[in-house]
Amino acid sequence: MFNHQHLHKDEKGQTALEAAIILIAFIVVASVFAFVILSAGSASTDKSEEAIYAGLEGVQSSMSVKGAIIAKGAAGSVSDVVFTLALVAGGDPVDLTDTTGNNVVVIGYRDGTNFESNIPWTVTWIVDNDGGTPDAMLEDGELAEVSVNLAGLTTALGANTEFTLEIKPPTGAVLNVSRSTPAAIETVMELR
């Protein structure tokens, strides 16, 4: 007859089979874990890429002041501040459309006694590279002279006063221009 004791004496194959099952289980768990990690890494990379492009958009449309900032004075106070704007290298064009008080770019003013979020300004094109068909876009290689009217301030801008102009394009970084008026107000002054 059949001897059951002889059947259970040699279990070498059983141990190898158990080891193979455990090894396969570890491989499956490791591959699922690796898939989860790679998927999470891919999602975070997409978010990082979006943040980088949003930051580049904010910087690329920035403008810079070229040359001196001039103040025009009358009756002991500053009436206008004049400066020249240009795009930074590689920047996107900025719309400087003047629609009689509804400018696309907003200029704000602040000092120790005044805060105005939108003050009137006008633009005159010094260098226009549009080839005979001028537009209101400040583009690479162009220069726009901006004249900011400060006559409507609650407290007139007088001598020895620090002030800041904030030039805010629709997209991109805000350009802050901080200057001080001289000790004596003259008809034309270079601000430092």
N, C-alpha and C. Protein backbone atom coordinates (compact mmCIF):
# COMPACT_ATOMS: atom_id res chain seq x y z
N MET A 1 0.79 -1.16 0.00
CA MET A 1 0.00 0.00 0.00
C MET A 1 0.85 1.26 0.00
N PHE A 2 0.17 2.40 0.02
CA PHE A 2 0.87 3.66 -0.10
C PHE A 2 1.34 4.14 1.26
N ASN A 3 2.59 4.54 1.38
CA ASN A 3 3.17 4.95 2.65
C ASN A 3 3.17 6.48 2.72
N HIS A 4 2.40 7.02 3.68
CA HIS A 4 2.31 8.48 3.84
C HIS A 4 3.56 9.09 4.46
N GLN A 5 4.29 8.34 5.20
CA GLN A 5 5.50 8.86 5.82
C GLN A 5 6.56 9.17 4.78
N HIS A 6 6.62 8.38 3.78
CA HIS A 6 7.61 8.59 2.73
C HIS A 6 7.29 9.87 1.92
N LEU A 7 5.99 10.22 1.84
CA LEU A 7 5.57 11.39 1.07
C LEU A 7 6.06 12.69 1.70
N HIS A 8 6.08 12.80 3.02
CA HIS A 8 6.43 14.04 3.68
C HIS A 8 7.90 14.14 4.08
N LYS A 9 8.71 13.17 3.80
CA LYS A 9 10.10 13.20 4.21
C LYS A 9 10.93 14.15 3.36
N ASP A 10 10.73 14.24 2.08
CA ASP A 10 11.55 15.07 1.20
C ASP A 10 10.74 16.28 0.76
N GLU A 11 10.92 17.44 1.42
CA GLU A 11 10.16 18.65 1.12
C GLU A 11 11.02 19.72 0.46
N LYS A 12 12.05 19.35 -0.24
CA LYS A 12 12.92 20.32 -0.91
C LYS A 12 12.16 21.13 -1.95
N GLY A 13 11.34 20.53 -2.71
CA GLY A 13 10.56 21.22 -3.73
C GLY A 13 9.56 22.18 -3.12
N GLN A 14 8.99 21.81 -1.99
CA GLN A 14 8.02 22.67 -1.30
C GLN A 14 8.68 23.95 -0.83
N THR A 15 9.87 23.92 -0.31
CA THR A 15 10.59 25.11 0.17
C THR A 15 10.94 26.02 -0.99
N ALA A 16 11.35 25.47 -2.10
CA ALA A 16 11.68 26.27 -3.28
C ALA A 16 10.43 26.95 -3.82
N LEU A 17 9.30 26.24 -3.80
CA LEU A 17 8.05 26.83 -4.27
C LEU A 17 7.60 27.98 -3.37
N GLU A 18 7.71 27.83 -2.06
CA GLU A 18 7.36 28.90 -1.13
C GLU A 18 8.26 30.12 -1.33
N ALA A 19 9.55 29.88 -1.53
CA ALA A 19 10.49 30.99 -1.76
C ALA A 19 10.15 31.71 -3.06
N ALA A 20 9.77 30.99 -4.09
CA ALA A 20 9.41 31.61 -5.37
C ALA A 20 8.15 32.46 -5.21
N ILE A 21 7.16 31.96 -4.48
CA ILE A 21 5.92 32.73 -4.26
C ILE A 21 6.22 34.01 -3.49
N ILE A 22 7.04 33.94 -2.47
CA ILE A 22 7.39 35.14 -1.68
C ILE A 22 8.17 36.13 -2.54
N LEU A 23 9.10 35.64 -3.36
CA LEU A 23 9.88 36.51 -4.24
C LEU A 23 8.97 37.22 -5.25
N ILE A 24 8.03 36.50 -5.82
CA ILE A 24 7.09 37.10 -6.77
C ILE A 24 6.23 38.15 -6.06
N ALA A 25 5.80 37.88 -4.84
CA ALA A 25 4.99 38.85 -4.08
C ALA A 25 5.80 40.13 -3.83
N PHE A 26 7.07 40.00 -3.46
CA PHE A 26 7.91 41.18 -3.25
C PHE A 26 8.08 41.98 -4.54
N ILE A 27 8.26 41.30 -5.66
CA ILE A 27 8.44 41.98 -6.95
C ILE A 27 7.16 42.74 -7.32
N VAL A 28 6.00 42.12 -7.12
CA VAL A 28 4.73 42.78 -7.44
C VAL A 28 4.54 44.01 -6.55
N VAL A 29 4.79 43.87 -5.25
CA VAL A 29 4.65 45.02 -4.33
C VAL A 29 5.63 46.13 -4.70
N ALA A 30 6.85 45.79 -5.02
CA ALA A 30 7.85 46.79 -5.39
C ALA A 30 7.47 47.50 -6.68
N SER A 31 6.94 46.77 -7.66
CA SER A 31 6.56 47.41 -8.92
C SER A 31 5.35 48.33 -8.73
N VAL A 32 4.40 47.96 -7.89
CA VAL A 32 3.26 48.85 -7.59
C VAL A 32 3.76 50.10 -6.88
N PHE A 33 4.64 49.92 -5.92
CA PHE A 33 5.21 51.06 -5.20
C PHE A 33 5.98 51.98 -6.15
N ALA A 34 6.75 51.42 -7.04
CA ALA A 34 7.50 52.22 -8.01
C ALA A 34 6.56 52.98 -8.93
N PHE A 35 5.47 52.35 -9.37
CA PHE A 35 4.48 53.02 -10.22
C PHE A 35 3.86 54.21 -9.48
N VAL A 36 3.51 54.03 -8.21
CA VAL A 36 2.92 55.12 -7.43
C VAL A 36 3.91 56.27 -7.29
N ILE A 37 5.15 55.98 -7.00
CA ILE A 37 6.18 57.03 -6.85
C ILE A 37 6.39 57.78 -8.16
N LEU A 38 6.49 57.05 -9.26
CA LEU A 38 6.68 57.70 -10.56
C LEU A 38 5.48 58.55 -10.95
N SER A 39 4.28 58.08 -10.66
CA SER A 39 3.08 58.86 -10.96
C SER A 39 3.05 60.15 -10.14
N ALA A 40 3.38 60.07 -8.86
CA ALA A 40 3.41 61.26 -8.01
C ALA A 40 4.50 62.22 -8.48
N GLY A 41 5.63 61.70 -8.89
CA GLY A 41 6.72 62.56 -9.39
C GLY A 41 6.33 63.26 -10.66
N SER A 42 5.61 62.57 -11.53
CA SER A 42 5.16 63.18 -12.79
C SER A 42 4.16 64.30 -12.52
N ALA A 43 3.25 64.11 -11.57
CA ALA A 43 2.27 65.14 -11.24
C ALA A 43 2.96 66.37 -10.63
N SER A 44 3.93 66.14 -9.74
CA SER A 44 4.62 67.28 -9.14
C SER A 44 5.49 68.01 -10.15
N THR A 45 6.03 67.29 -11.13
CA THR A 45 6.80 67.92 -12.19
C THR A 45 5.92 68.83 -13.02
N ASP A 46 4.69 68.40 -13.32
CA ASP A 46 3.75 69.23 -14.07
C ASP A 46 3.42 70.50 -13.30
N LYS A 47 3.21 70.40 -12.00
CA LYS A 47 2.92 71.58 -11.18
C LYS A 47 4.12 72.51 -11.15
N SER A 48 5.31 71.98 -11.05
CA SER A 48 6.53 72.80 -11.05
C SER A 48 6.69 73.51 -12.38
N GLU A 49 6.40 72.82 -13.46
CA GLU A 49 6.49 73.42 -14.79
C GLU A 49 5.51 74.58 -14.93
N GLU A 50 4.28 74.41 -14.43
CA GLU A 50 3.30 75.49 -14.47
C GLU A 50 3.79 76.70 -13.68
N ALA A 51 4.37 76.47 -12.51
CA ALA A 51 4.88 77.58 -11.69
C ALA A 51 6.02 78.30 -12.40
N ILE A 52 6.88 77.56 -13.05
CA ILE A 52 8.01 78.18 -13.76
C ILE A 52 7.50 79.05 -14.90
N TYR A 53 6.55 78.53 -15.69
CA TYR A 53 6.02 79.33 -16.80
C TYR A 53 5.26 80.55 -16.32
N ALA A 54 4.54 80.44 -15.20
CA ALA A 54 3.85 81.61 -14.65
C ALA A 54 4.86 82.66 -14.19
N GLY A 55 5.95 82.22 -13.59
CA GLY A 55 7.01 83.15 -13.17
C GLY A 55 7.67 83.82 -14.35
N LEU A 56 7.92 83.05 -15.41
CA LEU A 56 8.52 83.64 -16.61
C LEU A 56 7.58 84.66 -17.25
N GLU A 57 6.29 84.38 -17.25
CA GLU A 57 5.34 85.33 -17.81
C GLU A 57 5.35 86.63 -17.02
N GLY A 58 5.49 86.51 -15.69
CA GLY A 58 5.54 87.71 -14.86
C GLY A 58 6.77 88.54 -15.09
N VAL A 59 7.88 87.91 -15.40
CA VAL A 59 9.12 88.64 -15.59
C VAL A 59 9.28 89.12 -17.03
N GLN A 60 8.82 88.34 -17.99
CA GLN A 60 9.08 88.65 -19.39
C GLN A 60 8.41 89.91 -19.88
N SER A 61 7.33 90.34 -19.28
CA SER A 61 6.68 91.54 -19.78
C SER A 61 7.10 92.77 -18.99
N SER A 62 8.19 92.69 -18.24
CA SER A 62 8.66 93.80 -17.44
C SER A 62 9.28 94.89 -18.29
N MET A 63 9.16 96.08 -17.79
CA MET A 63 9.74 97.25 -18.44
C MET A 63 10.85 97.80 -17.56
N SER A 64 11.65 98.68 -18.12
CA SER A 64 12.69 99.35 -17.33
C SER A 64 12.75 100.81 -17.72
N VAL A 65 13.25 101.62 -16.80
CA VAL A 65 13.43 103.04 -17.06
C VAL A 65 14.79 103.23 -17.71
N LYS A 66 14.81 103.96 -18.81
CA LYS A 66 16.05 104.27 -19.52
C LYS A 66 16.35 105.75 -19.36
N GLY A 67 17.52 106.06 -18.86
CA GLY A 67 17.93 107.46 -18.74
C GLY A 67 17.43 108.10 -17.46
N ALA A 68 17.47 109.42 -17.47
CA ALA A 68 17.14 110.22 -16.29
C ALA A 68 15.63 110.34 -16.09
N ILE A 69 15.26 110.60 -14.84
CA ILE A 69 13.87 110.91 -14.51
C ILE A 69 13.83 112.41 -14.21
N ILE A 70 12.99 113.12 -14.97
CA ILE A 70 12.93 114.58 -14.90
C ILE A 70 11.62 115.00 -14.24
N ALA A 71 11.70 116.01 -13.39
CA ALA A 71 10.51 116.61 -12.79
C ALA A 71 10.36 118.02 -13.31
N LYS A 72 9.13 118.41 -13.58
CA LYS A 72 8.82 119.78 -13.98
C LYS A 72 8.09 120.44 -12.83
N GLY A 73 8.56 121.63 -12.45
CA GLY A 73 7.98 122.30 -11.31
C GLY A 73 7.39 123.65 -11.64
N ALA A 74 6.45 124.06 -10.80
CA ALA A 74 5.83 125.39 -10.91
C ALA A 74 5.24 125.74 -9.56
N ALA A 75 5.43 126.98 -9.14
CA ALA A 75 4.87 127.51 -7.90
C ALA A 75 5.24 126.67 -6.67
N GLY A 76 6.48 126.21 -6.60
CA GLY A 76 6.97 125.50 -5.42
C GLY A 76 6.59 124.04 -5.31
N SER A 77 5.99 123.45 -6.35
CA SER A 77 5.64 122.03 -6.30
C SER A 77 5.89 121.39 -7.66
N VAL A 78 5.99 120.07 -7.66
CA VAL A 78 6.22 119.32 -8.89
C VAL A 78 4.88 119.10 -9.58
N SER A 79 4.83 119.46 -10.88
CA SER A 79 3.58 119.28 -11.63
C SER A 79 3.61 118.01 -12.48
N ASP A 80 4.78 117.63 -13.01
CA ASP A 80 4.90 116.46 -13.87
C ASP A 80 6.21 115.74 -13.60
N VAL A 81 6.19 114.42 -13.79
CA VAL A 81 7.41 113.61 -13.77
C VAL A 81 7.49 112.92 -15.12
N VAL A 82 8.67 113.03 -15.78
CA VAL A 82 8.84 112.50 -17.12
C VAL A 82 10.00 111.50 -17.12
N PHE A 83 9.77 110.34 -17.74
CA PHE A 83 10.81 109.31 -17.85
C PHE A 83 10.59 108.50 -19.11
N THR A 84 11.61 107.75 -19.51
CA THR A 84 11.55 106.94 -20.72
C THR A 84 11.49 105.46 -20.34
N LEU A 85 10.55 104.73 -20.96
CA LEU A 85 10.38 103.30 -20.72
C LEU A 85 10.86 102.49 -21.91
N ALA A 86 11.41 101.32 -21.63
CA ALA A 86 11.79 100.34 -22.64
C ALA A 86 11.51 98.97 -22.07
N LEU A 87 11.42 97.98 -22.94
CA LEU A 87 11.27 96.60 -22.48
C LEU A 87 12.62 96.06 -22.02
N VAL A 88 12.59 95.15 -21.06
CA VAL A 88 13.81 94.44 -20.70
C VAL A 88 14.12 93.46 -21.82
N ALA A 89 15.34 92.99 -21.88
CA ALA A 89 15.76 92.08 -22.96
C ALA A 89 14.87 90.84 -23.00
N GLY A 90 14.30 90.57 -24.17
CA GLY A 90 13.47 89.39 -24.35
C GLY A 90 12.07 89.51 -23.79
N GLY A 91 11.66 90.70 -23.37
CA GLY A 91 10.34 90.88 -22.78
C GLY A 91 9.23 90.87 -23.82
N ASP A 92 8.03 90.53 -23.37
CA ASP A 92 6.86 90.56 -24.24
C ASP A 92 6.38 91.99 -24.40
N PRO A 93 5.79 92.34 -25.53
CA PRO A 93 5.29 93.71 -25.74
C PRO A 93 4.26 94.10 -24.69
N VAL A 94 4.24 95.40 -24.36
CA VAL A 94 3.30 95.95 -23.37
C VAL A 94 2.45 97.00 -24.07
N ASP A 95 1.15 96.93 -23.85
CA ASP A 95 0.20 97.86 -24.47
C ASP A 95 0.18 99.17 -23.70
N LEU A 96 0.64 100.25 -24.33
CA LEU A 96 0.63 101.58 -23.72
C LEU A 96 -0.49 102.45 -24.31
N THR A 97 -1.61 101.82 -24.66
CA THR A 97 -2.73 102.54 -25.24
C THR A 97 -3.22 103.61 -24.27
N ASP A 98 -3.40 104.82 -24.78
CA ASP A 98 -3.95 105.92 -23.99
C ASP A 98 -5.36 106.18 -24.50
N THR A 99 -6.35 105.78 -23.71
CA THR A 99 -7.74 105.98 -24.11
C THR A 99 -8.40 107.01 -23.21
N THR A 100 -7.75 108.14 -23.05
CA THR A 100 -8.25 109.27 -22.26
C THR A 100 -8.67 108.83 -20.86
N GLY A 101 -7.70 108.49 -20.08
CA GLY A 101 -7.95 108.15 -18.68
C GLY A 101 -8.18 106.67 -18.44
N ASN A 102 -8.35 105.87 -19.47
CA ASN A 102 -8.58 104.43 -19.30
C ASN A 102 -7.38 103.67 -19.86
N ASN A 103 -6.21 103.96 -19.35
CA ASN A 103 -4.99 103.34 -19.85
C ASN A 103 -4.95 101.87 -19.49
N VAL A 104 -4.33 101.10 -20.35
CA VAL A 104 -4.14 99.67 -20.09
C VAL A 104 -3.11 99.50 -18.97
N VAL A 105 -2.02 100.27 -19.05
CA VAL A 105 -1.02 100.29 -17.98
C VAL A 105 -1.47 101.32 -16.96
N VAL A 106 -1.44 100.95 -15.70
CA VAL A 106 -1.86 101.84 -14.62
C VAL A 106 -0.63 102.33 -13.87
N ILE A 107 -0.59 103.62 -13.59
CA ILE A 107 0.51 104.18 -12.80
C ILE A 107 -0.06 104.69 -11.49
N GLY A 108 0.51 104.20 -10.40
CA GLY A 108 0.10 104.63 -9.07
C GLY A 108 1.16 105.53 -8.46
N TYR A 109 0.77 106.29 -7.43
CA TYR A 109 1.68 107.23 -6.78
C TYR A 109 1.51 107.10 -5.27
N ARG A 110 2.65 107.20 -4.55
CA ARG A 110 2.57 107.24 -3.08
C ARG A 110 3.75 108.00 -2.53
N ASP A 111 3.49 108.72 -1.46
CA ASP A 111 4.54 109.38 -0.67
C ASP A 111 4.06 109.38 0.78
N GLY A 112 4.65 110.21 1.62
CA GLY A 112 4.29 110.23 3.04
C GLY A 112 2.87 110.70 3.31
N THR A 113 2.25 111.46 2.40
CA THR A 113 0.92 112.01 2.64
C THR A 113 -0.11 111.64 1.57
N ASN A 114 0.32 111.10 0.45
CA ASN A 114 -0.59 110.78 -0.66
C ASN A 114 -0.50 109.32 -1.05
N PHE A 115 -1.64 108.78 -1.47
CA PHE A 115 -1.68 107.47 -2.12
C PHE A 115 -2.75 107.54 -3.19
N GLU A 116 -2.33 107.41 -4.44
CA GLU A 116 -3.25 107.41 -5.58
C GLU A 116 -2.97 106.14 -6.38
N SER A 117 -4.00 105.33 -6.62
CA SER A 117 -3.78 104.07 -7.33
C SER A 117 -3.78 104.23 -8.84
N ASN A 118 -4.35 105.33 -9.35
CA ASN A 118 -4.41 105.52 -10.81
C ASN A 118 -4.33 107.01 -11.10
N ILE A 119 -3.16 107.47 -11.53
CA ILE A 119 -3.01 108.89 -11.84
C ILE A 119 -2.86 109.05 -13.35
N PRO A 120 -3.23 110.22 -13.89
CA PRO A 120 -3.19 110.40 -15.35
C PRO A 120 -1.76 110.49 -15.88
N TRP A 121 -1.59 109.94 -17.08
CA TRP A 121 -0.29 109.99 -17.75
C TRP A 121 -0.50 109.94 -19.26
N THR A 122 0.50 110.42 -19.98
CA THR A 122 0.46 110.38 -21.44
C THR A 122 1.77 109.79 -21.94
N VAL A 123 1.76 109.35 -23.20
CA VAL A 123 2.96 108.74 -23.78
C VAL A 123 3.29 109.44 -25.09
N THR A 124 4.59 109.64 -25.32
CA THR A 124 5.13 110.15 -26.58
C THR A 124 6.20 109.17 -27.03
N TRP A 125 6.12 108.75 -28.29
CA TRP A 125 7.06 107.75 -28.79
C TRP A 125 8.34 108.42 -29.24
N ILE A 126 9.47 108.00 -28.65
CA ILE A 126 10.78 108.52 -29.03
C ILE A 126 11.36 107.66 -30.14
N VAL A 127 11.34 106.34 -29.95
CA VAL A 127 11.79 105.39 -30.97
C VAL A 127 10.64 104.42 -31.21
N ASP A 128 10.17 104.36 -32.46
CA ASP A 128 9.05 103.50 -32.84
C ASP A 128 9.49 102.63 -34.01
N ASN A 129 9.58 101.32 -33.79
CA ASN A 129 10.09 100.40 -34.81
C ASN A 129 8.98 99.67 -35.55
N ASP A 130 7.86 100.33 -35.77
CA ASP A 130 6.74 99.64 -36.41
C ASP A 130 6.71 99.81 -37.92
N GLY A 131 7.72 100.40 -38.51
CA GLY A 131 7.84 100.48 -39.96
C GLY A 131 6.74 101.29 -40.63
N GLY A 132 6.43 102.44 -40.11
CA GLY A 132 5.45 103.32 -40.74
C GLY A 132 4.02 103.12 -40.28
N THR A 133 3.71 102.03 -39.61
CA THR A 133 2.37 101.82 -39.07
C THR A 133 2.46 101.76 -37.55
N PRO A 134 2.50 102.92 -36.90
CA PRO A 134 2.69 102.94 -35.45
C PRO A 134 1.51 102.31 -34.71
N ASP A 135 1.84 101.66 -33.63
CA ASP A 135 0.81 101.13 -32.73
C ASP A 135 1.16 101.55 -31.31
N ALA A 136 0.35 101.17 -30.37
CA ALA A 136 0.56 101.58 -28.98
C ALA A 136 1.31 100.52 -28.17
N MET A 137 1.91 99.54 -28.84
CA MET A 137 2.62 98.47 -28.15
C MET A 137 4.08 98.85 -27.96
N LEU A 138 4.56 98.79 -26.73
CA LEU A 138 5.97 98.98 -26.44
C LEU A 138 6.65 97.65 -26.74
N GLU A 139 7.47 97.65 -27.79
CA GLU A 139 8.10 96.42 -28.26
C GLU A 139 9.61 96.54 -28.15
N ASP A 140 10.27 95.43 -28.42
CA ASP A 140 11.73 95.38 -28.33
C ASP A 140 12.36 96.46 -29.21
N GLY A 141 13.25 97.24 -28.65
CA GLY A 141 13.95 98.29 -29.39
C GLY A 141 13.22 99.62 -29.41
N GLU A 142 12.03 99.71 -28.84
CA GLU A 142 11.28 100.97 -28.83
C GLU A 142 11.47 101.70 -27.51
N LEU A 143 11.32 103.02 -27.56
CA LEU A 143 11.39 103.86 -26.36
C LEU A 143 10.15 104.73 -26.31
N ALA A 144 9.52 104.79 -25.14
CA ALA A 144 8.32 105.59 -24.95
C ALA A 144 8.57 106.57 -23.80
N GLU A 145 8.35 107.85 -24.06
CA GLU A 145 8.48 108.86 -23.02
C GLU A 145 7.12 109.01 -22.33
N VAL A 146 7.11 108.78 -21.03
CA VAL A 146 5.88 108.83 -20.24
C VAL A 146 5.92 110.08 -19.38
N SER A 147 4.82 110.85 -19.44
CA SER A 147 4.69 112.06 -18.63
C SER A 147 3.55 111.85 -17.64
N VAL A 148 3.88 111.83 -16.35
CA VAL A 148 2.90 111.58 -15.29
C VAL A 148 2.48 112.93 -14.71
N ASN A 149 1.18 113.19 -14.73
CA ASN A 149 0.63 114.45 -14.24
C ASN A 149 0.35 114.34 -12.74
N LEU A 150 1.07 115.13 -11.93
CA LEU A 150 0.91 115.10 -10.48
C LEU A 150 0.12 116.30 -9.95
N ALA A 151 -0.46 117.09 -10.84
CA ALA A 151 -1.18 118.29 -10.41
C ALA A 151 -2.42 117.98 -9.59
N GLY A 152 -2.99 116.80 -9.74
CA GLY A 152 -4.22 116.45 -9.04
C GLY A 152 -4.03 115.81 -7.68
N LEU A 153 -2.81 115.79 -7.15
CA LEU A 153 -2.58 115.17 -5.84
C LEU A 153 -3.26 115.98 -4.74
N THR A 154 -3.71 115.30 -3.70
CA THR A 154 -4.33 115.98 -2.57
C THR A 154 -3.37 116.95 -1.92
N THR A 155 -2.15 116.51 -1.65
CA THR A 155 -1.10 117.37 -1.13
C THR A 155 -0.02 117.45 -2.20
N ALA A 156 0.30 118.67 -2.64
CA ALA A 156 1.26 118.85 -3.74
C ALA A 156 2.61 118.27 -3.37
N LEU A 157 3.32 117.73 -4.37
CA LEU A 157 4.66 117.18 -4.17
C LEU A 157 5.64 118.35 -4.08
N GLY A 158 6.18 118.56 -2.90
CA GLY A 158 7.08 119.69 -2.66
C GLY A 158 8.52 119.26 -2.55
N ALA A 159 9.33 120.16 -1.99
CA ALA A 159 10.78 119.95 -1.84
C ALA A 159 11.07 118.88 -0.79
N ASN A 160 12.23 118.22 -0.96
CA ASN A 160 12.72 117.20 -0.01
C ASN A 160 11.68 116.13 0.33
N THR A 161 11.04 115.60 -0.67
CA THR A 161 10.00 114.59 -0.45
C THR A 161 10.35 113.33 -1.25
N GLU A 162 10.34 112.20 -0.56
CA GLU A 162 10.53 110.92 -1.24
C GLU A 162 9.18 110.43 -1.75
N PHE A 163 9.17 109.89 -2.97
CA PHE A 163 7.92 109.37 -3.54
C PHE A 163 8.23 108.16 -4.40
N THR A 164 7.19 107.39 -4.70
CA THR A 164 7.31 106.20 -5.53
C THR A 164 6.21 106.19 -6.57
N LEU A 165 6.60 105.93 -7.81
CA LEU A 165 5.65 105.68 -8.89
C LEU A 165 5.64 104.18 -9.15
N GLU A 166 4.44 103.59 -9.22
CA GLU A 166 4.30 102.16 -9.52
C GLU A 166 3.71 102.03 -10.92
N ILE A 167 4.48 101.48 -11.85
CA ILE A 167 4.01 101.27 -13.21
C ILE A 167 3.55 99.82 -13.29
N LYS A 168 2.23 99.63 -13.47
CA LYS A 168 1.62 98.30 -13.40
C LYS A 168 1.07 97.89 -14.76
N PRO A 169 1.80 97.03 -15.50
CA PRO A 169 1.25 96.52 -16.76
C PRO A 169 0.18 95.47 -16.48
N PRO A 170 -0.65 95.13 -17.48
CA PRO A 170 -1.70 94.14 -17.25
C PRO A 170 -1.16 92.77 -16.84
N THR A 171 0.00 92.37 -17.39
CA THR A 171 0.66 91.14 -16.94
C THR A 171 2.12 91.46 -16.72
N GLY A 172 2.72 90.77 -15.81
CA GLY A 172 4.14 90.99 -15.56
C GLY A 172 4.39 91.72 -14.26
N ALA A 173 5.65 91.98 -14.04
CA ALA A 173 6.08 92.58 -12.79
C ALA A 173 5.79 94.07 -12.76
N VAL A 174 5.52 94.56 -11.56
CA VAL A 174 5.32 95.99 -11.33
C VAL A 174 6.68 96.65 -11.27
N LEU A 175 6.82 97.79 -11.94
CA LEU A 175 8.06 98.55 -11.93
C LEU A 175 7.90 99.69 -10.93
N ASN A 176 8.69 99.66 -9.86
CA ASN A 176 8.67 100.72 -8.86
C ASN A 176 9.79 101.70 -9.15
N VAL A 177 9.45 102.98 -9.22
CA VAL A 177 10.44 104.04 -9.44
C VAL A 177 10.37 104.95 -8.21
N SER A 178 11.41 104.90 -7.38
CA SER A 178 11.46 105.72 -6.16
C SER A 178 12.49 106.81 -6.33
N ARG A 179 12.10 108.04 -6.04
CA ARG A 179 12.97 109.19 -6.16
C ARG A 179 12.67 110.18 -5.04
N SER A 180 13.54 111.18 -4.92
CA SER A 180 13.36 112.28 -3.96
C SER A 180 13.44 113.60 -4.71
N THR A 181 12.61 114.54 -4.29
CA THR A 181 12.69 115.87 -4.90
C THR A 181 13.84 116.64 -4.25
N PRO A 182 14.44 117.59 -4.97
CA PRO A 182 15.55 118.36 -4.41
C PRO A 182 15.08 119.37 -3.36
N ALA A 183 16.03 120.05 -2.76
CA ALA A 183 15.73 121.01 -1.69
C ALA A 183 14.99 122.23 -2.22
N ALA A 184 15.18 122.57 -3.46
CA ALA A 184 14.48 123.71 -4.06
C ALA A 184 13.82 123.26 -5.35
N ILE A 185 12.55 123.61 -5.50
CA ILE A 185 11.80 123.24 -6.70
C ILE A 185 12.11 124.25 -7.80
N GLU A 186 12.55 123.74 -8.94
CA GLU A 186 12.86 124.58 -10.09
C GLU A 186 11.95 124.19 -11.25
N THR A 187 12.08 124.86 -12.39
CA THR A 187 11.24 124.57 -13.53
C THR A 187 11.51 123.17 -14.08
N VAL A 188 12.79 122.77 -14.18
CA VAL A 188 13.16 121.43 -14.64
C VAL A 188 14.24 120.90 -13.69
N MET A 189 14.03 119.66 -13.20
CA MET A 189 14.96 119.06 -12.24
C MET A 189 15.19 117.59 -12.59
N GLU A 190 16.43 117.12 -12.42
CA GLU A 190 16.70 115.70 -12.53
C GLU A 190 16.57 115.10 -11.14
N LEU A 191 15.75 114.07 -11.03
CA LEU A 191 15.50 113.45 -9.72
C LEU A 191 16.51 112.33 -9.46
N ARG A 192 16.90 112.22 -8.24
CA ARG A 192 17.85 111.19 -7.81
C ARG A 192 17.21 110.29 -6.79
